[in-house]
PDB file of all heavy atoms in Angstrom:
ATOM      1  N   PHE A   1      -0.885 -11.436  91.491  1.00  0.00           N
ATOM      2  CA  PHE A   1      -0.390 -10.254  92.312  1.00  0.00           C
ATOM      3  C   PHE A   1      -0.758 -10.481  93.794  1.00  0.00           C
ATOM      4  O   PHE A   1      -0.010 -10.084  94.613  1.00  0.00           O
ATOM      5  CB  PHE A   1      -1.126  -9.032  91.842  1.00  0.00           C
ATOM      6  CG  PHE A   1      -0.719  -8.443  90.483  1.00  0.00           C
ATOM      7  CD1 PHE A   1      -1.595  -7.818  89.531  1.00  0.00           C
ATOM      8  CD2 PHE A   1       0.602  -8.711  90.057  1.00  0.00           C
ATOM      9  CE1 PHE A   1      -1.145  -7.444  88.355  1.00  0.00           C
ATOM     10  CE2 PHE A   1       1.119  -8.243  88.877  1.00  0.00           C
ATOM     11  CZ  PHE A   1       0.138  -7.546  88.063  1.00  0.00           C
ATOM     12  N   ASN A   2      -1.824 -11.098  94.178  1.00  0.00           N
ATOM     13  CA  ASN A   2      -2.200 -11.396  95.555  1.00  0.00           C
ATOM     14  C   ASN A   2      -1.116 -12.299  96.051  1.00  0.00           C
ATOM     15  O   ASN A   2      -0.768 -12.070  97.306  1.00  0.00           O
ATOM     16  CB  ASN A   2      -3.579 -12.022  95.615  1.00  0.00           C
ATOM     17  CG  ASN A   2      -4.650 -11.048  95.420  1.00  0.00           C
ATOM     18  OD1 ASN A   2      -4.478  -9.797  95.523  1.00  0.00           O
ATOM     19  ND2 ASN A   2      -5.812 -11.515  94.918  1.00  0.00           N
ATOM     20  N   ASP A   3      -0.803 -13.321  95.452  1.00  0.00           N
ATOM     21  CA  ASP A   3       0.284 -14.213  95.963  1.00  0.00           C
ATOM     22  C   ASP A   3       1.697 -13.554  96.096  1.00  0.00           C
ATOM     23  O   ASP A   3       2.461 -13.885  96.994  1.00  0.00           O
ATOM     24  CB  ASP A   3       0.459 -15.439  95.023  1.00  0.00           C
ATOM     25  CG  ASP A   3      -0.680 -16.442  95.335  1.00  0.00           C
ATOM     26  OD1 ASP A   3      -1.449 -16.302  96.289  1.00  0.00           O
ATOM     27  OD2 ASP A   3      -0.958 -17.434  94.521  1.00  0.00           O
ATOM     28  N   GLU A   4       1.909 -12.629  95.117  1.00  0.00           N
ATOM     29  CA  GLU A   4       3.183 -11.895  95.242  1.00  0.00           C
ATOM     30  C   GLU A   4       3.221 -11.045  96.558  1.00  0.00           C
ATOM     31  O   GLU A   4       4.196 -10.903  97.231  1.00  0.00           O
ATOM     32  CB  GLU A   4       3.221 -11.008  94.028  1.00  0.00           C
ATOM     33  CG  GLU A   4       3.636 -11.668  92.669  1.00  0.00           C
ATOM     34  CD  GLU A   4       4.981 -12.292  92.589  1.00  0.00           C
ATOM     35  OE1 GLU A   4       5.812 -12.231  93.513  1.00  0.00           O
ATOM     36  OE2 GLU A   4       5.310 -12.847  91.524  1.00  0.00           O
ATOM     37  N   ILE A   5       2.052 -10.390  96.869  1.00  0.00           N
ATOM     38  CA  ILE A   5       1.964  -9.664  98.080  1.00  0.00           C
ATOM     39  C   ILE A   5       2.120 -10.476  99.254  1.00  0.00           C
ATOM     40  O   ILE A   5       2.738 -10.173 100.245  1.00  0.00           O
ATOM     41  CB  ILE A   5       0.543  -8.874  98.160  1.00  0.00           C
ATOM     42  CG1 ILE A   5       0.553  -7.829  97.020  1.00  0.00           C
ATOM     43  CG2 ILE A   5       0.358  -8.133  99.494  1.00  0.00           C
ATOM     44  CD1 ILE A   5      -0.800  -7.135  96.802  1.00  0.00           C
ATOM     45  N   ARG A   6       1.498 -11.729  99.287  1.00  0.00           N
ATOM     46  CA  ARG A   6       1.672 -12.582 100.426  1.00  0.00           C
ATOM     47  C   ARG A   6       3.161 -13.004 100.572  1.00  0.00           C
ATOM     48  O   ARG A   6       3.642 -13.048 101.709  1.00  0.00           O
ATOM     49  CB  ARG A   6       0.831 -13.892 100.234  1.00  0.00           C
ATOM     50  CG  ARG A   6      -0.715 -13.579 100.375  1.00  0.00           C
ATOM     51  CD  ARG A   6      -1.481 -14.839 100.221  1.00  0.00           C
ATOM     52  NE  ARG A   6      -2.932 -14.654 100.432  1.00  0.00           N
ATOM     53  CZ  ARG A   6      -3.798 -15.592 100.333  1.00  0.00           C
ATOM     54  NH1 ARG A   6      -3.428 -16.835  99.984  1.00  0.00           N
ATOM     55  NH2 ARG A   6      -5.027 -15.419 100.451  1.00  0.00           N
ATOM     56  N   LEU A   7       3.794 -13.315  99.529  1.00  0.00           N
ATOM     57  CA  LEU A   7       5.210 -13.632  99.484  1.00  0.00           C
ATOM     58  C   LEU A   7       5.973 -12.516 100.089  1.00  0.00           C
ATOM     59  O   LEU A   7       6.940 -12.763 100.880  1.00  0.00           O
ATOM     60  CB  LEU A   7       5.627 -13.988  98.206  1.00  0.00           C
ATOM     61  CG  LEU A   7       7.124 -14.477  97.992  1.00  0.00           C
ATOM     62  CD1 LEU A   7       7.415 -15.690  98.911  1.00  0.00           C
ATOM     63  CD2 LEU A   7       7.559 -14.747  96.514  1.00  0.00           C
ATOM     64  N   ALA A   8       5.717 -11.273  99.688  1.00  0.00           N
ATOM     65  CA  ALA A   8       6.476 -10.086 100.203  1.00  0.00           C
ATOM     66  C   ALA A   8       6.224  -9.966 101.726  1.00  0.00           C
ATOM     67  O   ALA A   8       7.249  -9.658 102.427  1.00  0.00           O
ATOM     68  CB  ALA A   8       5.926  -8.738  99.467  1.00  0.00           C
ATOM     69  N   LYS A   9       5.042 -10.297 102.177  1.00  0.00           N
ATOM     70  CA  LYS A   9       4.805 -10.233 103.663  1.00  0.00           C
ATOM     71  C   LYS A   9       5.629 -11.224 104.348  1.00  0.00           C
ATOM     72  O   LYS A   9       6.179 -10.955 105.394  1.00  0.00           O
ATOM     73  CB  LYS A   9       3.281 -10.371 103.895  1.00  0.00           C
ATOM     74  CG  LYS A   9       2.432  -9.234 103.434  1.00  0.00           C
ATOM     75  CD  LYS A   9       0.984  -9.498 103.840  1.00  0.00           C
ATOM     76  CE  LYS A   9       0.115  -8.322 103.409  1.00  0.00           C
ATOM     77  NZ  LYS A   9      -1.406  -8.531 103.714  1.00  0.00           N
ATOM     78  N   LEU A  10       5.654 -12.457 103.763  1.00  0.00           N
ATOM     79  CA  LEU A  10       6.499 -13.491 104.493  1.00  0.00           C
ATOM     80  C   LEU A  10       7.906 -13.121 104.511  1.00  0.00           C
ATOM     81  O   LEU A  10       8.681 -13.319 105.466  1.00  0.00           O
ATOM     82  CB  LEU A  10       6.248 -14.851 103.830  1.00  0.00           C
ATOM     83  CG  LEU A  10       4.968 -15.462 103.990  1.00  0.00           C
ATOM     84  CD1 LEU A  10       4.856 -16.758 103.128  1.00  0.00           C
ATOM     85  CD2 LEU A  10       4.638 -15.819 105.385  1.00  0.00           C
ATOM     86  N   GLU A  11       8.450 -12.575 103.394  1.00  0.00           N
ATOM     87  CA  GLU A  11       9.898 -12.192 103.346  1.00  0.00           C
ATOM     88  C   GLU A  11      10.081 -10.996 104.320  1.00  0.00           C
ATOM     89  O   GLU A  11      11.177 -10.966 104.980  1.00  0.00           O
ATOM     90  CB  GLU A  11      10.179 -11.817 101.964  1.00  0.00           C
ATOM     91  CG  GLU A  11      10.258 -12.947 100.948  1.00  0.00           C
ATOM     92  CD  GLU A  11      10.716 -12.433  99.542  1.00  0.00           C
ATOM     93  OE1 GLU A  11      10.760 -11.242  99.347  1.00  0.00           O
ATOM     94  OE2 GLU A  11      10.909 -13.263  98.694  1.00  0.00           O
ATOM     95  N   ALA A  12       9.108 -10.067 104.422  1.00  0.00           N
ATOM     96  CA  ALA A  12       9.301  -9.023 105.369  1.00  0.00           C
ATOM     97  C   ALA A  12       9.347  -9.520 106.857  1.00  0.00           C
ATOM     98  O   ALA A  12      10.039  -9.105 107.736  1.00  0.00           O
ATOM     99  CB  ALA A  12       8.139  -7.987 105.240  1.00  0.00           C
ATOM    100  N   LYS A  13       8.491 -10.552 107.120  1.00  0.00           N
ATOM    101  CA  LYS A  13       8.446 -11.152 108.406  1.00  0.00           C
ATOM    102  C   LYS A  13       9.894 -11.778 108.755  1.00  0.00           C
ATOM    103  O   LYS A  13      10.395 -11.733 109.881  1.00  0.00           O
ATOM    104  CB  LYS A  13       7.401 -12.145 108.459  1.00  0.00           C
ATOM    105  CG  LYS A  13       7.198 -12.706 109.923  1.00  0.00           C
ATOM    106  CD  LYS A  13       5.973 -13.675 109.967  1.00  0.00           C
ATOM    107  CE  LYS A  13       5.825 -14.254 111.333  1.00  0.00           C
ATOM    108  NZ  LYS A  13       4.598 -15.188 111.382  1.00  0.00           N
ATOM    109  N   GLU A  14      10.434 -12.522 107.789  1.00  0.00           N
ATOM    110  CA  GLU A  14      11.722 -13.074 107.887  1.00  0.00           C
ATOM    111  C   GLU A  14      12.770 -12.041 108.177  1.00  0.00           C
ATOM    112  O   GLU A  14      13.723 -12.160 109.069  1.00  0.00           O
ATOM    113  CB  GLU A  14      12.071 -13.944 106.736  1.00  0.00           C
ATOM    114  CG  GLU A  14      11.269 -15.146 106.521  1.00  0.00           C
ATOM    115  CD  GLU A  14      11.530 -16.036 105.293  1.00  0.00           C
ATOM    116  OE1 GLU A  14      12.448 -15.490 104.635  1.00  0.00           O
ATOM    117  OE2 GLU A  14      11.007 -17.087 105.096  1.00  0.00           O
ATOM    118  N   LYS A  15      12.721 -11.004 107.366  1.00  0.00           N
ATOM    119  CA  LYS A  15      13.725  -9.832 107.557  1.00  0.00           C
ATOM    120  C   LYS A  15      13.577  -9.179 108.882  1.00  0.00           C
ATOM    121  O   LYS A  15      14.617  -8.827 109.548  1.00  0.00           O
ATOM    122  CB  LYS A  15      13.508  -8.843 106.450  1.00  0.00           C
ATOM    123  CG  LYS A  15      14.074  -9.395 105.065  1.00  0.00           C
ATOM    124  CD  LYS A  15      13.955  -8.337 104.026  1.00  0.00           C
ATOM    125  CE  LYS A  15      14.284  -8.868 102.663  1.00  0.00           C
ATOM    126  NZ  LYS A  15      15.686  -9.353 102.604  1.00  0.00           N
ATOM    127  N   GLY A  16      12.354  -9.068 109.392  1.00  0.00           N
ATOM    128  CA  GLY A  16      12.022  -8.513 110.697  1.00  0.00           C
ATOM    129  C   GLY A  16      12.802  -9.310 111.783  1.00  0.00           C
ATOM    130  O   GLY A  16      13.331  -8.762 112.778  1.00  0.00           O
ATOM    131  N   ALA A  17      12.655 -10.791 111.665  1.00  0.00           N
ATOM    132  CA  ALA A  17      13.345 -11.514 112.604  1.00  0.00           C
ATOM    133  C   ALA A  17      14.706 -11.369 112.619  1.00  0.00           C
ATOM    134  O   ALA A  17      15.378 -11.285 113.677  1.00  0.00           O
ATOM    135  CB  ALA A  17      12.920 -12.986 112.352  1.00  0.00           C
ATOM    136  N   ARG A  18      15.328 -11.266 111.441  1.00  0.00           N
ATOM    137  CA  ARG A  18      16.797 -11.071 111.305  1.00  0.00           C
ATOM    138  C   ARG A  18      17.150  -9.673 111.943  1.00  0.00           C
ATOM    139  O   ARG A  18      18.251  -9.536 112.558  1.00  0.00           O
ATOM    140  CB  ARG A  18      17.218 -11.122 109.805  1.00  0.00           C
ATOM    141  CG  ARG A  18      17.081 -12.517 109.266  1.00  0.00           C
ATOM    142  CD  ARG A  18      17.862 -12.580 107.928  1.00  0.00           C
ATOM    143  NE  ARG A  18      17.693 -13.924 107.329  1.00  0.00           N
ATOM    144  CZ  ARG A  18      16.821 -14.252 106.431  1.00  0.00           C
ATOM    145  NH1 ARG A  18      15.974 -13.309 106.050  1.00  0.00           N
ATOM    146  NH2 ARG A  18      16.682 -15.449 105.876  1.00  0.00           N
ATOM    147  N   LEU A  19      16.384  -8.634 111.687  1.00  0.00           N
ATOM    148  CA  LEU A  19      16.682  -7.333 112.277  1.00  0.00           C
ATOM    149  C   LEU A  19      16.595  -7.420 113.794  1.00  0.00           C
ATOM    150  O   LEU A  19      17.326  -6.829 114.488  1.00  0.00           O
ATOM    151  CB  LEU A  19      15.747  -6.314 111.668  1.00  0.00           C
ATOM    152  CG  LEU A  19      15.857  -5.857 110.268  1.00  0.00           C
ATOM    153  CD1 LEU A  19      14.774  -4.949 109.805  1.00  0.00           C
ATOM    154  CD2 LEU A  19      17.279  -5.219 110.059  1.00  0.00           C
ATOM    155  N   GLY A  20      15.618  -8.119 114.296  1.00  0.00           N
ATOM    156  CA  GLY A  20      15.487  -8.254 115.752  1.00  0.00           C
ATOM    157  C   GLY A  20      16.762  -8.987 116.296  1.00  0.00           C
ATOM    158  O   GLY A  20      17.354  -8.572 117.404  1.00  0.00           O
ATOM    159  N   MET A  21      17.320  -9.946 115.588  1.00  0.00           N
ATOM    160  CA  MET A  21      18.540 -10.629 116.042  1.00  0.00           C
ATOM    161  C   MET A  21      19.687  -9.589 115.958  1.00  0.00           C
ATOM    162  O   MET A  21      20.566  -9.615 116.950  1.00  0.00           O
ATOM    163  CB  MET A  21      18.839 -11.833 115.233  1.00  0.00           C
ATOM    164  CG  MET A  21      20.045 -12.625 115.719  1.00  0.00           C
ATOM    165  SD  MET A  21      20.220 -14.204 114.627  1.00  0.00           S
ATOM    166  CE  MET A  21      18.714 -15.029 115.132  1.00  0.00           C
ATOM    167  N   ALA A  22      19.670  -8.860 114.872  1.00  0.00           N
ATOM    168  CA  ALA A  22      20.755  -7.784 114.797  1.00  0.00           C
ATOM    169  C   ALA A  22      20.733  -6.777 115.883  1.00  0.00           C
ATOM    170  O   ALA A  22      21.710  -6.313 116.447  1.00  0.00           O
ATOM    171  CB  ALA A  22      20.746  -7.094 113.474  1.00  0.00           C
ATOM    172  N   GLY A  23      19.507  -6.445 116.330  1.00  0.00           N
ATOM    173  CA  GLY A  23      19.300  -5.482 117.384  1.00  0.00           C
ATOM    174  C   GLY A  23      19.844  -6.060 118.672  1.00  0.00           C
ATOM    175  O   GLY A  23      20.418  -5.338 119.544  1.00  0.00           O
ATOM    176  N   ALA A  24      19.543  -7.352 118.842  1.00  0.00           N
ATOM    177  CA  ALA A  24      19.969  -8.006 120.126  1.00  0.00           C
ATOM    178  C   ALA A  24      21.628  -7.946 120.224  1.00  0.00           C
ATOM    179  O   ALA A  24      22.061  -7.620 121.264  1.00  0.00           O
ATOM    180  CB  ALA A  24      19.448  -9.407 120.191  1.00  0.00           C
ATOM    181  N   PHE A  25      22.151  -8.342 119.071  1.00  0.00           N
ATOM    182  CA  PHE A  25      23.594  -8.238 119.102  1.00  0.00           C
ATOM    183  C   PHE A  25      24.156  -6.767 119.271  1.00  0.00           C
ATOM    184  O   PHE A  25      25.231  -6.501 119.912  1.00  0.00           O
ATOM    185  CB  PHE A  25      24.172  -8.826 117.874  1.00  0.00           C
ATOM    186  CG  PHE A  25      24.287 -10.345 117.846  1.00  0.00           C
ATOM    187  CD1 PHE A  25      23.251 -11.105 117.275  1.00  0.00           C
ATOM    188  CD2 PHE A  25      25.261 -11.036 118.634  1.00  0.00           C
ATOM    189  CE1 PHE A  25      23.255 -12.487 117.281  1.00  0.00           C
ATOM    190  CE2 PHE A  25      25.247 -12.422 118.611  1.00  0.00           C
ATOM    191  CZ  PHE A  25      24.337 -13.119 118.004  1.00  0.00           C
ATOM    192  N   ALA A  26      23.441  -5.850 118.689  1.00  0.00           N
ATOM    193  CA  ALA A  26      23.888  -4.376 118.825  1.00  0.00           C
ATOM    194  C   ALA A  26      23.781  -4.015 120.297  1.00  0.00           C
ATOM    195  O   ALA A  26      24.494  -3.221 120.880  1.00  0.00           O
ATOM    196  CB  ALA A  26      23.000  -3.561 117.982  1.00  0.00           C
ATOM    197  N   GLY A  27      22.631  -4.501 121.051  1.00  0.00           N
ATOM    198  CA  GLY A  27      22.492  -4.174 122.383  1.00  0.00           C
ATOM    199  C   GLY A  27      23.630  -4.737 123.221  1.00  0.00           C
ATOM    200  O   GLY A  27      24.138  -4.113 124.213  1.00  0.00           O
ATOM    201  N   VAL A  28      24.057  -5.979 122.858  1.00  0.00           N
ATOM    202  CA  VAL A  28      25.151  -6.507 123.662  1.00  0.00           C
ATOM    203  C   VAL A  28      26.460  -5.786 123.389  1.00  0.00           C
ATOM    204  O   VAL A  28      27.244  -5.474 124.356  1.00  0.00           O
ATOM    205  CB  VAL A  28      25.332  -8.006 123.171  1.00  0.00           C
ATOM    206  CG1 VAL A  28      26.676  -8.593 123.791  1.00  0.00           C
ATOM    207  CG2 VAL A  28      24.160  -8.901 123.571  1.00  0.00           C
TER     208      VAL A  28
END
């Protein structure tokens, strides 16, 4: 379960980076 939580955090970090890129294109 601890490793599953760590994996979820890494995936959330990756999704946050993608959302940031989407926000940049939305700003443009």
